Amino acid sequence: MVIIALALAVMAEAVKINTAELKEAMDEAEDVDDALDVVRHTMRDWGGDYKETLKGMPPLQLMDNGIALGGARDIMGKVVDNSLLQGSAEVQALAKAENRLAAAKQDVHEAANNKDAIKRAQLEAVAEELTNEAVNLLESTKVD
């Protein structure tokens, strides 16, 4: 019984939060926040208005393994806009998934028209891998 009481006392001491250390950590965090505010203000003064600076600049051409993410047309003829891609990681993931599915479709088509069984199996395996990558990209866009 005494051993259990001593073990509980030791565990209670280990769980205690040192308020002095906590206060010191909070003060350091406030100092970091203040420093970041100063840096942001200085950078804004130094760099000027970013909207004015970037005015007229064309959107970036985002690529996925050498394939442009923007400008691709779907079956209905709709085009993915480059400026939309730049503003959202979710839209980029969707465009990458679309590229993977298009490549998988091409591989399946080539496999269906290939007379060599080994080459057909290789193309089917690549198509399956691309499809799995597309599914993973789509899963990454889901919100919990």
N, C-alpha and C. Protein backbone atom coordinates (compact mmCIF):
# COMPACT_ATOMS: atom_id res chain seq x y z
N MET A 1 0.82 -1.18 0.00
CA MET A 1 0.00 0.00 0.00
C MET A 1 0.87 1.26 0.00
N VAL A 2 1.93 1.21 0.78
CA VAL A 2 2.84 2.35 0.87
C VAL A 2 3.53 2.57 -0.47
N ILE A 3 3.87 1.48 -1.15
CA ILE A 3 4.55 1.57 -2.44
C ILE A 3 3.62 2.24 -3.47
N ILE A 4 2.36 1.90 -3.43
CA ILE A 4 1.40 2.48 -4.37
C ILE A 4 1.25 3.98 -4.09
N ALA A 5 1.20 4.35 -2.81
CA ALA A 5 1.08 5.76 -2.45
C ALA A 5 2.31 6.54 -2.90
N LEU A 6 3.51 5.94 -2.74
CA LEU A 6 4.74 6.61 -3.18
C LEU A 6 4.76 6.74 -4.71
N ALA A 7 4.31 5.70 -5.41
CA ALA A 7 4.27 5.75 -6.88
C ALA A 7 3.31 6.83 -7.35
N LEU A 8 2.16 6.94 -6.71
CA LEU A 8 1.19 7.98 -7.06
C LEU A 8 1.76 9.37 -6.80
N ALA A 9 2.48 9.53 -5.70
CA ALA A 9 3.08 10.82 -5.36
C ALA A 9 4.13 11.21 -6.40
N VAL A 10 4.94 10.24 -6.83
CA VAL A 10 5.97 10.51 -7.84
C VAL A 10 5.30 10.89 -9.17
N MET A 11 4.24 10.18 -9.55
CA MET A 11 3.54 10.47 -10.80
C MET A 11 2.90 11.86 -10.75
N ALA A 12 2.36 12.23 -9.60
CA ALA A 12 1.73 13.54 -9.46
C ALA A 12 2.76 14.65 -9.61
N GLU A 13 3.96 14.45 -9.08
CA GLU A 13 5.04 15.43 -9.22
C GLU A 13 5.46 15.55 -10.69
N ALA A 14 5.50 14.44 -11.41
CA ALA A 14 5.91 14.44 -12.81
C ALA A 14 4.90 15.16 -13.69
N VAL A 15 3.63 15.13 -13.33
CA VAL A 15 2.57 15.72 -14.13
C VAL A 15 2.44 17.22 -13.90
N LYS A 16 2.91 17.72 -12.79
CA LYS A 16 2.77 19.14 -12.46
C LYS A 16 3.43 19.99 -13.54
N ILE A 17 2.78 21.10 -13.88
CA ILE A 17 3.31 22.03 -14.87
C ILE A 17 4.01 23.15 -14.13
N ASN A 18 5.20 23.41 -14.52
CA ASN A 18 5.97 24.48 -13.92
C ASN A 18 5.45 25.80 -14.49
N THR A 19 4.76 26.58 -13.67
CA THR A 19 4.14 27.82 -14.15
C THR A 19 5.18 28.85 -14.57
N ALA A 20 6.33 28.85 -13.95
CA ALA A 20 7.38 29.80 -14.33
C ALA A 20 7.87 29.50 -15.75
N GLU A 21 8.07 28.21 -16.05
CA GLU A 21 8.50 27.82 -17.40
C GLU A 21 7.42 28.14 -18.43
N LEU A 22 6.18 27.91 -18.05
CA LEU A 22 5.06 28.20 -18.95
C LEU A 22 4.99 29.70 -19.24
N LYS A 23 5.14 30.52 -18.20
CA LYS A 23 5.10 31.98 -18.40
C LYS A 23 6.26 32.43 -19.28
N GLU A 24 7.43 31.86 -19.07
CA GLU A 24 8.59 32.21 -19.88
C GLU A 24 8.37 31.83 -21.36
N ALA A 25 7.79 30.67 -21.60
CA ALA A 25 7.50 30.25 -22.97
C ALA A 25 6.48 31.16 -23.63
N MET A 26 5.48 31.58 -22.88
CA MET A 26 4.47 32.48 -23.43
C MET A 26 5.07 33.85 -23.74
N ASP A 27 5.98 34.33 -22.89
CA ASP A 27 6.65 35.60 -23.15
C ASP A 27 7.51 35.52 -24.41
N GLU A 28 8.21 34.39 -24.60
CA GLU A 28 9.02 34.20 -25.80
C GLU A 28 8.13 34.17 -27.05
N ALA A 29 6.98 33.53 -26.94
CA ALA A 29 6.06 33.48 -28.07
C ALA A 29 5.56 34.88 -28.43
N GLU A 30 5.28 35.70 -27.42
CA GLU A 30 4.87 37.09 -27.68
C GLU A 30 5.99 37.87 -28.34
N ASP A 31 7.24 37.63 -27.90
CA ASP A 31 8.38 38.31 -28.51
C ASP A 31 8.51 37.93 -29.99
N VAL A 32 8.31 36.66 -30.29
CA VAL A 32 8.39 36.19 -31.67
C VAL A 32 7.28 36.83 -32.50
N ASP A 33 6.08 36.89 -31.96
CA ASP A 33 4.97 37.54 -32.67
C ASP A 33 5.28 39.00 -32.95
N ASP A 34 5.84 39.70 -31.97
CA ASP A 34 6.20 41.11 -32.16
C ASP A 34 7.26 41.24 -33.26
N ALA A 35 8.25 40.37 -33.24
CA ALA A 35 9.31 40.41 -34.25
C ALA A 35 8.74 40.15 -35.64
N LEU A 36 7.82 39.20 -35.76
CA LEU A 36 7.19 38.93 -37.06
C LEU A 36 6.39 40.12 -37.55
N ASP A 37 5.70 40.80 -36.64
CA ASP A 37 4.95 42.00 -37.03
C ASP A 37 5.88 43.08 -37.58
N VAL A 38 7.03 43.27 -36.93
CA VAL A 38 7.99 44.26 -37.39
C VAL A 38 8.52 43.87 -38.77
N VAL A 39 8.84 42.61 -38.96
CA VAL A 39 9.37 42.15 -40.26
C VAL A 39 8.32 42.34 -41.35
N ARG A 40 7.08 41.97 -41.08
CA ARG A 40 6.01 42.15 -42.08
C ARG A 40 5.86 43.61 -42.46
N HIS A 41 5.88 44.50 -41.46
CA HIS A 41 5.73 45.93 -41.72
C HIS A 41 6.92 46.44 -42.54
N THR A 42 8.14 46.04 -42.17
CA THR A 42 9.34 46.47 -42.88
C THR A 42 9.32 45.96 -44.32
N MET A 43 8.94 44.71 -44.51
CA MET A 43 8.89 44.14 -45.86
C MET A 43 7.83 44.86 -46.70
N ARG A 44 6.71 45.19 -46.11
CA ARG A 44 5.65 45.90 -46.84
C ARG A 44 6.17 47.28 -47.27
N ASP A 45 6.89 47.97 -46.37
CA ASP A 45 7.45 49.28 -46.71
C ASP A 45 8.53 49.15 -47.79
N TRP A 46 9.34 48.13 -47.69
CA TRP A 46 10.45 47.95 -48.62
C TRP A 46 9.97 47.50 -49.99
N GLY A 47 9.04 46.55 -50.02
CA GLY A 47 8.61 45.96 -51.28
C GLY A 47 7.50 46.71 -51.98
N GLY A 48 6.79 47.54 -51.29
CA GLY A 48 5.69 48.26 -51.90
C GLY A 48 4.44 47.39 -52.00
N ASP A 49 3.49 47.86 -52.78
CA ASP A 49 2.22 47.16 -52.95
C ASP A 49 2.42 45.99 -53.91
N TYR A 50 2.29 44.78 -53.42
CA TYR A 50 2.55 43.61 -54.26
C TYR A 50 1.56 43.51 -55.41
N LYS A 51 0.34 43.98 -55.21
CA LYS A 51 -0.65 43.93 -56.29
C LYS A 51 -0.21 44.81 -57.46
N GLU A 52 0.31 45.98 -57.14
CA GLU A 52 0.78 46.90 -58.18
C GLU A 52 2.03 46.34 -58.86
N THR A 53 2.92 45.73 -58.07
CA THR A 53 4.15 45.17 -58.61
C THR A 53 3.86 44.03 -59.58
N LEU A 54 2.91 43.18 -59.23
CA LEU A 54 2.62 41.99 -60.05
C LEU A 54 1.54 42.25 -61.10
N LYS A 55 1.08 43.47 -61.20
CA LYS A 55 0.03 43.78 -62.16
C LYS A 55 0.52 43.50 -63.58
N GLY A 56 -0.28 42.79 -64.34
CA GLY A 56 0.06 42.47 -65.72
C GLY A 56 0.97 41.27 -65.87
N MET A 57 1.43 40.70 -64.77
CA MET A 57 2.29 39.52 -64.85
C MET A 57 1.43 38.31 -65.20
N PRO A 58 1.84 37.53 -66.20
CA PRO A 58 1.03 36.36 -66.56
C PRO A 58 1.08 35.31 -65.46
N PRO A 59 0.05 34.48 -65.36
CA PRO A 59 0.06 33.44 -64.33
C PRO A 59 1.16 32.41 -64.59
N LEU A 60 1.61 31.79 -63.51
CA LEU A 60 2.63 30.75 -63.63
C LEU A 60 2.07 29.56 -64.41
N GLN A 61 2.93 28.91 -65.14
CA GLN A 61 2.55 27.69 -65.85
C GLN A 61 2.93 26.50 -64.96
N LEU A 62 2.00 26.01 -64.17
CA LEU A 62 2.27 24.90 -63.27
C LEU A 62 2.33 23.60 -64.06
N MET A 63 3.34 22.79 -63.76
CA MET A 63 3.56 21.54 -64.50
C MET A 63 3.50 20.35 -63.55
N ASP A 64 3.12 19.22 -64.10
CA ASP A 64 3.08 17.96 -63.38
C ASP A 64 3.81 16.93 -64.23
N ASN A 65 5.07 16.66 -63.89
CA ASN A 65 5.90 15.74 -64.67
C ASN A 65 5.94 16.14 -66.14
N GLY A 66 6.10 17.43 -66.40
CA GLY A 66 6.21 17.92 -67.76
C GLY A 66 4.89 18.17 -68.46
N ILE A 67 3.78 17.88 -67.80
CA ILE A 67 2.46 18.10 -68.38
C ILE A 67 1.85 19.32 -67.70
N ALA A 68 1.39 20.27 -68.51
CA ALA A 68 0.80 21.49 -67.96
C ALA A 68 -0.48 21.16 -67.22
N LEU A 69 -0.61 21.70 -66.01
CA LEU A 69 -1.85 21.49 -65.24
C LEU A 69 -2.97 22.36 -65.77
N GLY A 70 -2.64 23.55 -66.21
CA GLY A 70 -3.66 24.46 -66.72
C GLY A 70 -3.80 24.31 -68.22
N GLY A 71 -4.97 24.66 -68.73
CA GLY A 71 -5.20 24.65 -70.15
C GLY A 71 -5.73 23.34 -70.68
N ALA A 72 -5.76 22.31 -69.84
CA ALA A 72 -6.28 21.02 -70.29
C ALA A 72 -7.79 21.12 -70.46
N ARG A 73 -8.31 20.46 -71.47
CA ARG A 73 -9.75 20.47 -71.73
C ARG A 73 -10.36 19.14 -71.30
N ASP A 74 -11.54 19.21 -70.72
CA ASP A 74 -12.25 17.99 -70.38
C ASP A 74 -13.13 17.56 -71.55
N ILE A 75 -13.91 16.53 -71.36
CA ILE A 75 -14.77 16.00 -72.43
C ILE A 75 -15.76 17.04 -72.92
N MET A 76 -16.22 17.89 -72.04
CA MET A 76 -17.20 18.91 -72.39
C MET A 76 -16.56 20.17 -72.98
N GLY A 77 -15.22 20.20 -73.06
CA GLY A 77 -14.53 21.34 -73.65
C GLY A 77 -14.19 22.44 -72.67
N LYS A 78 -14.43 22.23 -71.38
CA LYS A 78 -14.11 23.24 -70.37
C LYS A 78 -12.60 23.21 -70.10
N VAL A 79 -12.03 24.39 -69.88
CA VAL A 79 -10.59 24.52 -69.70
C VAL A 79 -10.29 24.87 -68.25
N VAL A 80 -9.24 24.23 -67.69
CA VAL A 80 -8.78 24.57 -66.34
C VAL A 80 -7.95 25.84 -66.45
N ASP A 81 -8.31 26.85 -65.68
CA ASP A 81 -7.67 28.16 -65.74
C ASP A 81 -6.40 28.16 -64.88
N ASN A 82 -5.30 28.68 -65.44
CA ASN A 82 -4.03 28.75 -64.70
C ASN A 82 -4.15 29.58 -63.43
N SER A 83 -4.88 30.69 -63.49
CA SER A 83 -4.99 31.54 -62.31
C SER A 83 -5.75 30.83 -61.19
N LEU A 84 -6.69 29.95 -61.55
CA LEU A 84 -7.42 29.18 -60.55
C LEU A 84 -6.50 28.16 -59.90
N LEU A 85 -5.59 27.58 -60.68
CA LEU A 85 -4.65 26.59 -60.15
C LEU A 85 -3.70 27.20 -59.12
N GLN A 86 -3.27 28.42 -59.38
CA GLN A 86 -2.29 29.05 -58.48
C GLN A 86 -2.84 29.30 -57.10
N GLY A 87 -4.13 29.54 -57.00
CA GLY A 87 -4.69 29.93 -55.72
C GLY A 87 -5.14 28.78 -54.83
N SER A 88 -5.05 27.55 -55.31
CA SER A 88 -5.62 26.47 -54.52
C SER A 88 -4.83 25.17 -54.70
N ALA A 89 -4.35 24.65 -53.59
CA ALA A 89 -3.65 23.35 -53.62
C ALA A 89 -4.64 22.25 -53.97
N GLU A 90 -5.91 22.44 -53.59
CA GLU A 90 -6.93 21.43 -53.90
C GLU A 90 -7.15 21.34 -55.41
N VAL A 91 -7.23 22.47 -56.09
CA VAL A 91 -7.43 22.46 -57.54
C VAL A 91 -6.20 21.87 -58.23
N GLN A 92 -5.01 22.13 -57.70
CA GLN A 92 -3.80 21.54 -58.26
C GLN A 92 -3.84 20.02 -58.13
N ALA A 93 -4.27 19.53 -56.97
CA ALA A 93 -4.37 18.07 -56.77
C ALA A 93 -5.39 17.46 -57.72
N LEU A 94 -6.51 18.17 -57.93
CA LEU A 94 -7.52 17.67 -58.86
C LEU A 94 -6.99 17.62 -60.29
N ALA A 95 -6.23 18.66 -60.68
CA ALA A 95 -5.65 18.67 -62.03
C ALA A 95 -4.63 17.55 -62.20
N LYS A 96 -3.83 17.29 -61.15
CA LYS A 96 -2.87 16.19 -61.21
C LYS A 96 -3.59 14.86 -61.32
N ALA A 97 -4.69 14.70 -60.58
CA ALA A 97 -5.47 13.47 -60.65
C ALA A 97 -6.03 13.29 -62.06
N GLU A 98 -6.49 14.39 -62.65
CA GLU A 98 -7.01 14.32 -64.02
C GLU A 98 -5.93 13.87 -64.99
N ASN A 99 -4.70 14.39 -64.82
CA ASN A 99 -3.59 13.97 -65.68
C ASN A 99 -3.29 12.49 -65.51
N ARG A 100 -3.30 12.02 -64.25
CA ARG A 100 -3.04 10.59 -64.01
C ARG A 100 -4.10 9.72 -64.68
N LEU A 101 -5.36 10.14 -64.56
CA LEU A 101 -6.44 9.35 -65.17
C LEU A 101 -6.36 9.37 -66.69
N ALA A 102 -5.98 10.50 -67.27
CA ALA A 102 -5.84 10.57 -68.73
C ALA A 102 -4.71 9.65 -69.20
N ALA A 103 -3.61 9.63 -68.45
CA ALA A 103 -2.50 8.75 -68.81
C ALA A 103 -2.91 7.29 -68.64
N ALA A 104 -3.66 6.97 -67.59
CA ALA A 104 -4.13 5.60 -67.39
C ALA A 104 -5.06 5.18 -68.52
N LYS A 105 -5.92 6.09 -68.94
CA LYS A 105 -6.83 5.79 -70.05
C LYS A 105 -6.05 5.49 -71.31
N GLN A 106 -5.00 6.27 -71.57
CA GLN A 106 -4.16 6.03 -72.74
C GLN A 106 -3.48 4.67 -72.66
N ASP A 107 -2.97 4.32 -71.47
CA ASP A 107 -2.31 3.02 -71.29
C ASP A 107 -3.29 1.87 -71.48
N VAL A 108 -4.51 2.01 -70.98
CA VAL A 108 -5.52 0.96 -71.16
C VAL A 108 -5.85 0.81 -72.64
N HIS A 109 -5.96 1.93 -73.34
CA HIS A 109 -6.24 1.88 -74.78
C HIS A 109 -5.12 1.17 -75.53
N GLU A 110 -3.86 1.51 -75.19
CA GLU A 110 -2.72 0.86 -75.82
C GLU A 110 -2.67 -0.63 -75.48
N ALA A 111 -3.02 -0.98 -74.24
CA ALA A 111 -3.02 -2.39 -73.84
C ALA A 111 -4.07 -3.17 -74.61
N ALA A 112 -5.23 -2.57 -74.81
CA ALA A 112 -6.30 -3.25 -75.52
C ALA A 112 -5.92 -3.52 -76.97
N ASN A 113 -5.08 -2.68 -77.54
CA ASN A 113 -4.69 -2.84 -78.94
C ASN A 113 -3.36 -3.54 -79.12
N ASN A 114 -2.74 -3.99 -78.03
CA ASN A 114 -1.44 -4.63 -78.12
C ASN A 114 -1.59 -6.14 -78.19
N LYS A 115 -0.89 -6.75 -79.12
CA LYS A 115 -0.99 -8.20 -79.31
C LYS A 115 -0.06 -8.97 -78.38
N ASP A 116 0.99 -8.34 -77.88
CA ASP A 116 1.95 -8.99 -77.00
C ASP A 116 1.38 -9.03 -75.57
N ALA A 117 1.23 -10.23 -75.00
CA ALA A 117 0.62 -10.39 -73.68
C ALA A 117 1.46 -9.74 -72.58
N ILE A 118 2.78 -9.81 -72.69
CA ILE A 118 3.66 -9.23 -71.66
C ILE A 118 3.54 -7.71 -71.68
N LYS A 119 3.61 -7.13 -72.87
CA LYS A 119 3.49 -5.67 -72.99
C LYS A 119 2.11 -5.21 -72.51
N ARG A 120 1.08 -6.00 -72.82
CA ARG A 120 -0.29 -5.68 -72.38
C ARG A 120 -0.37 -5.68 -70.86
N ALA A 121 0.24 -6.69 -70.22
CA ALA A 121 0.24 -6.78 -68.76
C ALA A 121 1.00 -5.60 -68.14
N GLN A 122 2.12 -5.21 -68.76
CA GLN A 122 2.88 -4.07 -68.26
C GLN A 122 2.06 -2.78 -68.34
N LEU A 123 1.39 -2.58 -69.46
CA LEU A 123 0.56 -1.39 -69.63
C LEU A 123 -0.60 -1.38 -68.64
N GLU A 124 -1.18 -2.54 -68.41
CA GLU A 124 -2.28 -2.64 -67.44
C GLU A 124 -1.79 -2.30 -66.03
N ALA A 125 -0.58 -2.77 -65.69
CA ALA A 125 -0.02 -2.49 -64.36
C ALA A 125 0.25 -1.00 -64.19
N VAL A 126 0.79 -0.37 -65.24
CA VAL A 126 1.05 1.06 -65.18
C VAL A 126 -0.26 1.83 -65.05
N ALA A 127 -1.27 1.42 -65.81
CA ALA A 127 -2.58 2.08 -65.74
C ALA A 127 -3.17 1.94 -64.34
N GLU A 128 -3.01 0.78 -63.73
CA GLU A 128 -3.53 0.58 -62.38
C GLU A 128 -2.80 1.47 -61.38
N GLU A 129 -1.47 1.58 -61.53
CA GLU A 129 -0.68 2.43 -60.63
C GLU A 129 -1.09 3.90 -60.78
N LEU A 130 -1.28 4.34 -62.03
CA LEU A 130 -1.71 5.72 -62.26
C LEU A 130 -3.09 5.98 -61.68
N THR A 131 -3.97 5.00 -61.80
CA THR A 131 -5.32 5.14 -61.24
C THR A 131 -5.26 5.24 -59.72
N ASN A 132 -4.40 4.43 -59.10
CA ASN A 132 -4.25 4.50 -57.63
C ASN A 132 -3.68 5.85 -57.20
N GLU A 133 -2.72 6.39 -57.97
CA GLU A 133 -2.20 7.72 -57.67
C GLU A 133 -3.30 8.77 -57.75
N ALA A 134 -4.15 8.65 -58.78
CA ALA A 134 -5.26 9.60 -58.93
C ALA A 134 -6.21 9.51 -57.75
N VAL A 135 -6.50 8.30 -57.30
CA VAL A 135 -7.39 8.13 -56.15
C VAL A 135 -6.77 8.76 -54.91
N ASN A 136 -5.47 8.57 -54.72
CA ASN A 136 -4.79 9.17 -53.56
C ASN A 136 -4.84 10.69 -53.62
N LEU A 137 -4.66 11.24 -54.81
CA LEU A 137 -4.75 12.70 -54.95
C LEU A 137 -6.16 13.19 -54.65
N LEU A 138 -7.17 12.45 -55.10
CA LEU A 138 -8.55 12.83 -54.81
C LEU A 138 -8.85 12.72 -53.32
N GLU A 139 -8.32 11.69 -52.68
CA GLU A 139 -8.52 11.52 -51.24
C GLU A 139 -7.89 12.67 -50.46
N SER A 140 -6.76 13.20 -50.99
CA SER A 140 -6.09 14.29 -50.28
C SER A 140 -6.89 15.59 -50.30
N THR A 141 -7.86 15.69 -51.21
CA THR A 141 -8.66 16.91 -51.28
C THR A 141 -9.86 16.88 -50.34
N LYS A 142 -10.16 15.70 -49.80
CA LYS A 142 -11.32 15.58 -48.93
C LYS A 142 -11.05 16.20 -47.57
N VAL A 143 -12.04 16.84 -47.00
CA VAL A 143 -11.93 17.45 -45.68
C VAL A 143 -12.49 16.48 -44.66
N ASP A 144 -11.77 16.33 -43.55
CA ASP A 144 -12.24 15.40 -42.50
C ASP A 144 -13.47 15.92 -41.83
